Amino acid sequence: MIITETETAAAAKVGDSLDIVVTDPVNTKVTSSDETVVSVEQGRNDGSATFNPGGKALKSGTATLTVTNPDNTTRTIEVTVS
């Protein structure tokens, strides 16, 4: 599931992978209010490609993802997993 830069909420199913679109994947940090519902993986560059931050829907519930940009501005995304 792709979450765009303007989305503030998303609905996912258990097992879904999340791709959080950001301008600067390597220097943007993402946290989850409940890692048992939605785990997060930071963006990275493996030398051959750059990957957006993302996550995995692990169980039913709600988690708020906080996206912190390199300039320290933040946005939140409420993810509801069913």
PDB file of N, CA and C in Angstrom:
ATOM      1  N   MET A   1       0.841  -1.156   0.000  1.00  0.00           N
ATOM      2  CA  MET A   1       0.000   0.000   0.000  1.00  0.00           C
ATOM      3  C   MET A   1       0.895   1.231   0.000  1.00  0.00           C
ATOM      4  N   ILE A   2       0.600   2.164  -0.884  1.00  0.00           N
ATOM      5  CA  ILE A   2       1.376   3.402  -0.972  1.00  0.00           C
ATOM      6  C   ILE A   2       0.631   4.503  -0.234  1.00  0.00           C
ATOM      7  N   ILE A   3       1.339   5.194   0.664  1.00  0.00           N
ATOM      8  CA  ILE A   3       0.784   6.331   1.391  1.00  0.00           C
ATOM      9  C   ILE A   3       1.479   7.577   0.853  1.00  0.00           C
ATOM     10  N   THR A   4       0.708   8.453   0.216  1.00  0.00           N
ATOM     11  CA  THR A   4       1.286   9.645  -0.409  1.00  0.00           C
ATOM     12  C   THR A   4       1.611  10.712   0.633  1.00  0.00           C
ATOM     13  N   GLU A   5       2.296  11.758   0.188  1.00  0.00           N
ATOM     14  CA  GLU A   5       2.717  12.829   1.095  1.00  0.00           C
ATOM     15  C   GLU A   5       1.556  13.644   1.652  1.00  0.00           C
ATOM     16  N   THR A   6       0.378  13.557   1.050  1.00  0.00           N
ATOM     17  CA  THR A   6      -0.760  14.349   1.525  1.00  0.00           C
ATOM     18  C   THR A   6      -1.743  13.546   2.369  1.00  0.00           C
ATOM     19  N   GLU A   7      -1.577  12.241   2.442  1.00  0.00           N
ATOM     20  CA  GLU A   7      -2.514  11.415   3.203  1.00  0.00           C
ATOM     21  C   GLU A   7      -2.241  11.483   4.701  1.00  0.00           C
ATOM     22  N   THR A   8      -3.326  11.563   5.480  1.00  0.00           N
ATOM     23  CA  THR A   8      -3.209  11.592   6.938  1.00  0.00           C
ATOM     24  C   THR A   8      -3.847  10.368   7.583  1.00  0.00           C
ATOM     25  N   ALA A   9      -4.443   9.502   6.768  1.00  0.00           N
ATOM     26  CA  ALA A   9      -5.059   8.276   7.279  1.00  0.00           C
ATOM     27  C   ALA A   9      -4.978   7.205   6.203  1.00  0.00           C
ATOM     28  N   ALA A  10      -4.924   5.961   6.663  1.00  0.00           N
ATOM     29  CA  ALA A  10      -4.868   4.837   5.728  1.00  0.00           C
ATOM     30  C   ALA A  10      -5.513   3.625   6.380  1.00  0.00           C
ATOM     31  N   ALA A  11      -6.114   2.778   5.544  1.00  0.00           N
ATOM     32  CA  ALA A  11      -6.689   1.517   6.011  1.00  0.00           C
ATOM     33  C   ALA A  11      -5.880   0.387   5.394  1.00  0.00           C
ATOM     34  N   ALA A  12      -5.440  -0.533   6.235  1.00  0.00           N
ATOM     35  CA  ALA A  12      -4.616  -1.649   5.762  1.00  0.00           C
ATOM     36  C   ALA A  12      -5.184  -2.956   6.293  1.00  0.00           C
ATOM     37  N   LYS A  13      -4.795  -4.031   5.665  1.00  0.00           N
ATOM     38  CA  LYS A  13      -5.153  -5.367   6.132  1.00  0.00           C
ATOM     39  C   LYS A  13      -3.904  -6.016   6.725  1.00  0.00           C
ATOM     40  N   VAL A  14      -4.105  -6.902   7.687  1.00  0.00           N
ATOM     41  CA  VAL A  14      -2.977  -7.611   8.292  1.00  0.00           C
ATOM     42  C   VAL A  14      -2.146  -8.241   7.179  1.00  0.00           C
ATOM     43  N   GLY A  15      -0.844  -8.010   7.229  1.00  0.00           N
ATOM     44  CA  GLY A  15       0.067  -8.555   6.229  1.00  0.00           C
ATOM     45  C   GLY A  15       0.461  -7.559   5.156  1.00  0.00           C
ATOM     46  N   ASP A  16      -0.294  -6.446   5.037  1.00  0.00           N
ATOM     47  CA  ASP A  16       0.044  -5.437   4.031  1.00  0.00           C
ATOM     48  C   ASP A  16       1.390  -4.788   4.328  1.00  0.00           C
ATOM     49  N   SER A  17       2.124  -4.485   3.274  1.00  0.00           N
ATOM     50  CA  SER A  17       3.344  -3.683   3.377  1.00  0.00           C
ATOM     51  C   SER A  17       2.978  -2.243   3.071  1.00  0.00           C
ATOM     52  N   LEU A  18       3.585  -1.313   3.790  1.00  0.00           N
ATOM     53  CA  LEU A  18       3.326   0.110   3.601  1.00  0.00           C
ATOM     54  C   LEU A  18       4.550   0.775   2.996  1.00  0.00           C
ATOM     55  N   ASP A  19       4.330   1.657   2.037  1.00  0.00           N
ATOM     56  CA  ASP A  19       5.386   2.453   1.414  1.00  0.00           C
ATOM     57  C   ASP A  19       4.993   3.906   1.622  1.00  0.00           C
ATOM     58  N   ILE A  20       5.784   4.632   2.421  1.00  0.00           N
ATOM     59  CA  ILE A  20       5.464   6.012   2.763  1.00  0.00           C
ATOM     60  C   ILE A  20       6.279   6.927   1.863  1.00  0.00           C
ATOM     61  N   VAL A  21       5.587   7.628   0.968  1.00  0.00           N
ATOM     62  CA  VAL A  21       6.253   8.494   0.002  1.00  0.00           C
ATOM     63  C   VAL A  21       6.730   9.765   0.707  1.00  0.00           C
ATOM     64  N   VAL A  22       8.036  10.043   0.585  1.00  0.00           N
ATOM     65  CA  VAL A  22       8.639  11.248   1.163  1.00  0.00           C
ATOM     66  C   VAL A  22       9.626  11.831   0.156  1.00  0.00           C
ATOM     67  N   THR A  23       9.988  13.094   0.367  1.00  0.00           N
ATOM     68  CA  THR A  23      10.916  13.769  -0.538  1.00  0.00           C
ATOM     69  C   THR A  23      12.346  13.281  -0.358  1.00  0.00           C
ATOM     70  N   ASP A  24      12.744  13.041   0.901  1.00  0.00           N
ATOM     71  CA  ASP A  24      14.121  12.655   1.219  1.00  0.00           C
ATOM     72  C   ASP A  24      14.100  11.356   2.029  1.00  0.00           C
ATOM     73  N   PRO A  25      14.018  10.205   1.359  1.00  0.00           N
ATOM     74  CA  PRO A  25      13.857   8.930   2.067  1.00  0.00           C
ATOM     75  C   PRO A  25      14.948   8.612   3.083  1.00  0.00           C
ATOM     76  N   VAL A  26      16.177   8.967   2.787  1.00  0.00           N
ATOM     77  CA  VAL A  26      17.287   8.583   3.657  1.00  0.00           C
ATOM     78  C   VAL A  26      17.301   9.392   4.950  1.00  0.00           C
ATOM     79  N   ASN A  27      16.912  10.672   4.894  1.00  0.00           N
ATOM     80  CA  ASN A  27      17.005  11.551   6.060  1.00  0.00           C
ATOM     81  C   ASN A  27      15.675  11.800   6.758  1.00  0.00           C
ATOM     82  N   THR A  28      14.628  11.135   6.338  1.00  0.00           N
ATOM     83  CA  THR A  28      13.323  11.227   6.985  1.00  0.00           C
ATOM     84  C   THR A  28      13.199  10.062   7.962  1.00  0.00           C
ATOM     85  N   LYS A  29      12.664  10.337   9.148  1.00  0.00           N
ATOM     86  CA  LYS A  29      12.494   9.294  10.165  1.00  0.00           C
ATOM     87  C   LYS A  29      11.011   9.049  10.413  1.00  0.00           C
ATOM     88  N   VAL A  30      10.655   7.792  10.594  1.00  0.00           N
ATOM     89  CA  VAL A  30       9.265   7.411  10.850  1.00  0.00           C
ATOM     90  C   VAL A  30       9.213   6.594  12.132  1.00  0.00           C
ATOM     91  N   THR A  31       8.228   6.897  12.980  1.00  0.00           N
ATOM     92  CA  THR A  31       8.006   6.114  14.195  1.00  0.00           C
ATOM     93  C   THR A  31       6.545   5.670  14.231  1.00  0.00           C
ATOM     94  N   SER A  32       6.284   4.597  14.956  1.00  0.00           N
ATOM     95  CA  SER A  32       4.931   4.067  15.121  1.00  0.00           C
ATOM     96  C   SER A  32       4.545   4.155  16.589  1.00  0.00           C
ATOM     97  N   SER A  33       3.307   4.569  16.839  1.00  0.00           N
ATOM     98  CA  SER A  33       2.831   4.630  18.224  1.00  0.00           C
ATOM     99  C   SER A  33       2.622   3.234  18.803  1.00  0.00           C
ATOM    100  N   ASP A  34       2.496   2.235  17.940  1.00  0.00           N
ATOM    101  CA  ASP A  34       2.310   0.854  18.401  1.00  0.00           C
ATOM    102  C   ASP A  34       2.951  -0.101  17.397  1.00  0.00           C
ATOM    103  N   GLU A  35       4.181  -0.490  17.683  1.00  0.00           N
ATOM    104  CA  GLU A  35       4.937  -1.378  16.782  1.00  0.00           C
ATOM    105  C   GLU A  35       4.344  -2.782  16.712  1.00  0.00           C
ATOM    106  N   THR A  36       3.423  -3.123  17.623  1.00  0.00           N
ATOM    107  CA  THR A  36       2.777  -4.432  17.522  1.00  0.00           C
ATOM    108  C   THR A  36       1.659  -4.419  16.479  1.00  0.00           C
ATOM    109  N   VAL A  37       1.169  -3.225  16.127  1.00  0.00           N
ATOM    110  CA  VAL A  37       0.126  -3.082  15.101  1.00  0.00           C
ATOM    111  C   VAL A  37       0.760  -2.775  13.753  1.00  0.00           C
ATOM    112  N   VAL A  38       1.626  -1.765  13.715  1.00  0.00           N
ATOM    113  CA  VAL A  38       2.345  -1.392  12.488  1.00  0.00           C
ATOM    114  C   VAL A  38       3.822  -1.217  12.823  1.00  0.00           C
ATOM    115  N   SER A  39       4.657  -2.077  12.262  1.00  0.00           N
ATOM    116  CA  SER A  39       6.105  -1.920  12.430  1.00  0.00           C
ATOM    117  C   SER A  39       6.594  -0.941  11.373  1.00  0.00           C
ATOM    118  N   VAL A  40       7.739  -0.307  11.618  1.00  0.00           N
ATOM    119  CA  VAL A  40       8.278   0.627  10.629  1.00  0.00           C
ATOM    120  C   VAL A  40       9.702   0.252  10.253  1.00  0.00           C
ATOM    121  N   GLU A  41      10.051   0.609   9.039  1.00  0.00           N
ATOM    122  CA  GLU A  41      11.413   0.451   8.534  1.00  0.00           C
ATOM    123  C   GLU A  41      11.810   1.792   7.933  1.00  0.00           C
ATOM    124  N   GLN A  42      12.986   2.276   8.316  1.00  0.00           N
ATOM    125  CA  GLN A  42      13.441   3.578   7.831  1.00  0.00           C
ATOM    126  C   GLN A  42      13.828   3.501   6.357  1.00  0.00           C
ATOM    127  N   GLY A  43      13.766   4.647   5.689  1.00  0.00           N
ATOM    128  CA  GLY A  43      14.224   4.726   4.308  1.00  0.00           C
ATOM    129  C   GLY A  43      15.722   4.481   4.249  1.00  0.00           C
ATOM    130  N   ARG A  44      16.199   4.077   3.080  1.00  0.00           N
ATOM    131  CA  ARG A  44      17.627   3.767   2.978  1.00  0.00           C
ATOM    132  C   ARG A  44      18.072   3.817   1.522  1.00  0.00           C
ATOM    133  N   ASN A  45      19.371   3.863   1.367  1.00  0.00           N
ATOM    134  CA  ASN A  45      19.996   3.752   0.053  1.00  0.00           C
ATOM    135  C   ASN A  45      20.974   2.601   0.156  1.00  0.00           C
ATOM    136  N   ASP A  46      20.770   1.556  -0.647  1.00  0.00           N
ATOM    137  CA  ASP A  46      21.639   0.379  -0.560  1.00  0.00           C
ATOM    138  C   ASP A  46      22.775   0.407  -1.577  1.00  0.00           C
ATOM    139  N   GLY A  47      22.987   1.573  -2.205  1.00  0.00           N
ATOM    140  CA  GLY A  47      24.059   1.690  -3.183  1.00  0.00           C
ATOM    141  C   GLY A  47      23.575   1.539  -4.609  1.00  0.00           C
ATOM    142  N   SER A  48      22.485   0.799  -4.790  1.00  0.00           N
ATOM    143  CA  SER A  48      21.946   0.638  -6.142  1.00  0.00           C
ATOM    144  C   SER A  48      20.563   1.267  -6.289  1.00  0.00           C
ATOM    145  N   ALA A  49      19.902   1.523  -5.164  1.00  0.00           N
ATOM    146  CA  ALA A  49      18.565   2.124  -5.201  1.00  0.00           C
ATOM    147  C   ALA A  49      18.274   2.808  -3.873  1.00  0.00           C
ATOM    148  N   THR A  50      17.348   3.774  -3.903  1.00  0.00           N
ATOM    149  CA  THR A  50      16.894   4.451  -2.700  1.00  0.00           C
ATOM    150  C   THR A  50      15.465   4.003  -2.423  1.00  0.00           C
ATOM    151  N   PHE A  51      15.200   3.655  -1.170  1.00  0.00           N
ATOM    152  CA  PHE A  51      13.898   3.132  -0.772  1.00  0.00           C
ATOM    153  C   PHE A  51      13.222   4.075   0.213  1.00  0.00           C
ATOM    154  N   ASN A  52      11.923   4.317   0.011  1.00  0.00           N
ATOM    155  CA  ASN A  52      11.134   5.105   0.954  1.00  0.00           C
ATOM    156  C   ASN A  52      11.029   4.362   2.277  1.00  0.00           C
ATOM    157  N   PRO A  53      10.755   5.102   3.369  1.00  0.00           N
ATOM    158  CA  PRO A  53      10.429   4.411   4.609  1.00  0.00           C
ATOM    159  C   PRO A  53       9.128   3.631   4.414  1.00  0.00           C
ATOM    160  N   GLY A  54       8.927   2.647   5.239  1.00  0.00           N
ATOM    161  CA  GLY A  54       7.724   1.838   5.108  1.00  0.00           C
ATOM    162  C   GLY A  54       7.419   1.101   6.384  1.00  0.00           C
ATOM    163  N   GLY A  55       6.576   0.120   6.270  1.00  0.00           N
ATOM    164  CA  GLY A  55       6.211  -0.650   7.440  1.00  0.00           C
ATOM    165  C   GLY A  55       5.403  -1.864   7.051  1.00  0.00           C
ATOM    166  N   LYS A  56       4.915  -2.541   8.074  1.00  0.00           N
ATOM    167  CA  LYS A  56       4.145  -3.770   7.878  1.00  0.00           C
ATOM    168  C   LYS A  56       2.977  -3.749   8.861  1.00  0.00           C
ATOM    169  N   ALA A  57       1.777  -4.055   8.355  1.00  0.00           N
ATOM    170  CA  ALA A  57       0.593  -4.182   9.198  1.00  0.00           C
ATOM    171  C   ALA A  57       0.627  -5.565   9.845  1.00  0.00           C
ATOM    172  N   LEU A  58       0.771  -5.600  11.164  1.00  0.00           N
ATOM    173  CA  LEU A  58       0.999  -6.861  11.864  1.00  0.00           C
ATOM    174  C   LEU A  58      -0.247  -7.474  12.494  1.00  0.00           C
ATOM    175  N   LYS A  59      -1.139  -6.639  13.033  1.00  0.00           N
ATOM    176  CA  LYS A  59      -2.361  -7.150  13.658  1.00  0.00           C
ATOM    177  C   LYS A  59      -3.417  -6.056  13.642  1.00  0.00           C
ATOM    178  N   SER A  60      -4.661  -6.450  13.890  1.00  0.00           N
ATOM    179  CA  SER A  60      -5.757  -5.486  13.897  1.00  0.00           C
ATOM    180  C   SER A  60      -5.559  -4.448  14.990  1.00  0.00           C
ATOM    181  N   GLY A  61      -5.912  -3.207  14.665  1.00  0.00           N
ATOM    182  CA  GLY A  61      -5.792  -2.112  15.611  1.00  0.00           C
ATOM    183  C   GLY A  61      -5.471  -0.825  14.880  1.00  0.00           C
ATOM    184  N   THR A  62      -5.082   0.179  15.649  1.00  0.00           N
ATOM    185  CA  THR A  62      -4.743   1.480  15.081  1.00  0.00           C
ATOM    186  C   THR A  62      -3.389   1.918  15.607  1.00  0.00           C
ATOM    187  N   ALA A  63      -2.581   2.463  14.727  1.00  0.00           N
ATOM    188  CA  ALA A  63      -1.285   3.022  15.108  1.00  0.00           C
ATOM    189  C   ALA A  63      -1.123   4.353  14.389  1.00  0.00           C
ATOM    190  N   THR A  64      -0.506   5.302  15.069  1.00  0.00           N
ATOM    191  CA  THR A  64      -0.211   6.590  14.454  1.00  0.00           C
ATOM    192  C   THR A  64       1.253   6.603  14.060  1.00  0.00           C
ATOM    193  N   LEU A  65       1.502   6.830  12.774  1.00  0.00           N
ATOM    194  CA  LEU A  65       2.871   6.966  12.293  1.00  0.00           C
ATOM    195  C   LEU A  65       3.226   8.441  12.306  1.00  0.00           C
ATOM    196  N   THR A  66       4.385   8.765  12.858  1.00  0.00           N
ATOM    197  CA  THR A  66       4.880  10.137  12.839  1.00  0.00           C
ATOM    198  C   THR A  66       6.055  10.194  11.889  1.00  0.00           C
ATOM    199  N   VAL A  67       5.931  11.055  10.887  1.00  0.00           N
ATOM    200  CA  VAL A  67       6.960  11.229   9.861  1.00  0.00           C
ATOM    201  C   VAL A  67       7.677  12.536  10.163  1.00  0.00           C
ATOM    202  N   THR A  68       8.984  12.447  10.456  1.00  0.00           N
ATOM    203  CA  THR A  68       9.780  13.635  10.751  1.00  0.00           C
ATOM    204  C   THR A  68      10.725  13.887   9.590  1.00  0.00           C
ATOM    205  N   ASN A  69      10.513  15.017   8.927  1.00  0.00           N
ATOM    206  CA  ASN A  69      11.330  15.400   7.778  1.00  0.00           C
ATOM    207  C   ASN A  69      12.683  15.940   8.224  1.00  0.00           C
ATOM    208  N   PRO A  70      13.647  16.038   7.312  1.00  0.00           N
ATOM    209  CA  PRO A  70      14.978  16.547   7.669  1.00  0.00           C
ATOM    210  C   PRO A  70      14.954  17.950   8.283  1.00  0.00           C
ATOM    211  N   ASP A  71      13.945  18.772   7.943  1.00  0.00           N
ATOM    212  CA  ASP A  71      13.857  20.127   8.517  1.00  0.00           C
ATOM    213  C   ASP A  71      13.085  20.135   9.839  1.00  0.00           C
ATOM    214  N   ASN A  72      12.825  18.950  10.403  1.00  0.00           N
ATOM    215  CA  ASN A  72      12.127  18.740  11.675  1.00  0.00           C
ATOM    216  C   ASN A  72      10.638  19.038  11.632  1.00  0.00           C
ATOM    217  N   THR A  73      10.052  19.279  10.453  1.00  0.00           N
ATOM    218  CA  THR A  73       8.601  19.352  10.368  1.00  0.00           C
ATOM    219  C   THR A  73       8.066  17.923  10.430  1.00  0.00           C
ATOM    220  N   THR A  74       6.864  17.778  10.958  1.00  0.00           N
ATOM    221  CA  THR A  74       6.294  16.442  11.108  1.00  0.00           C
ATOM    222  C   THR A  74       4.892  16.377  10.513  1.00  0.00           C
ATOM    223  N   ARG A  75       4.487  15.166  10.224  1.00  0.00           N
ATOM    224  CA  ARG A  75       3.098  14.884   9.868  1.00  0.00           C
ATOM    225  C   ARG A  75       2.757  13.537  10.476  1.00  0.00           C
ATOM    226  N   THR A  76       1.481  13.328  10.719  1.00  0.00           N
ATOM    227  CA  THR A  76       1.051  12.054  11.278  1.00  0.00           C
ATOM    228  C   THR A  76       0.104  11.362  10.304  1.00  0.00           C
ATOM    229  N   ILE A  77       0.141  10.050  10.362  1.00  0.00           N
ATOM    230  CA  ILE A  77      -0.718   9.210   9.534  1.00  0.00           C
ATOM    231  C   ILE A  77      -1.348   8.175  10.459  1.00  0.00           C
ATOM    232  N   GLU A  78      -2.660   8.192  10.554  1.00  0.00           N
ATOM    233  CA  GLU A  78      -3.347   7.198  11.370  1.00  0.00           C
ATOM    234  C   GLU A  78      -3.638   5.981  10.500  1.00  0.00           C
ATOM    235  N   VAL A  79      -3.064   4.846  10.883  1.00  0.00           N
ATOM    236  CA  VAL A  79      -3.236   3.615  10.115  1.00  0.00           C
ATOM    237  C   VAL A  79      -4.140   2.673  10.903  1.00  0.00           C
ATOM    238  N   THR A  80      -5.252   2.304  10.288  1.00  0.00           N
ATOM    239  CA  THR A  80      -6.180   1.351  10.886  1.00  0.00           C
ATOM    240  C   THR A  80      -6.007   0.019  10.167  1.00  0.00           C
ATOM    241  N   VAL A  81      -5.700  -1.004  10.948  1.00  0.00           N
ATOM    242  CA  VAL A  81      -5.447  -2.332  10.389  1.00  0.00           C
ATOM    243  C   VAL A  81      -6.620  -3.244  10.747  1.00  0.00           C
ATOM    244  N   SER A  82      -7.113  -3.970   9.743  1.00  0.00           N
ATOM    245  CA  SER A  82      -8.219  -4.909  10.001  1.00  0.00           C
ATOM    246  C   SER A  82      -7.870  -6.285   9.461  1.00  0.00           C
TER     247      SER A  82
END
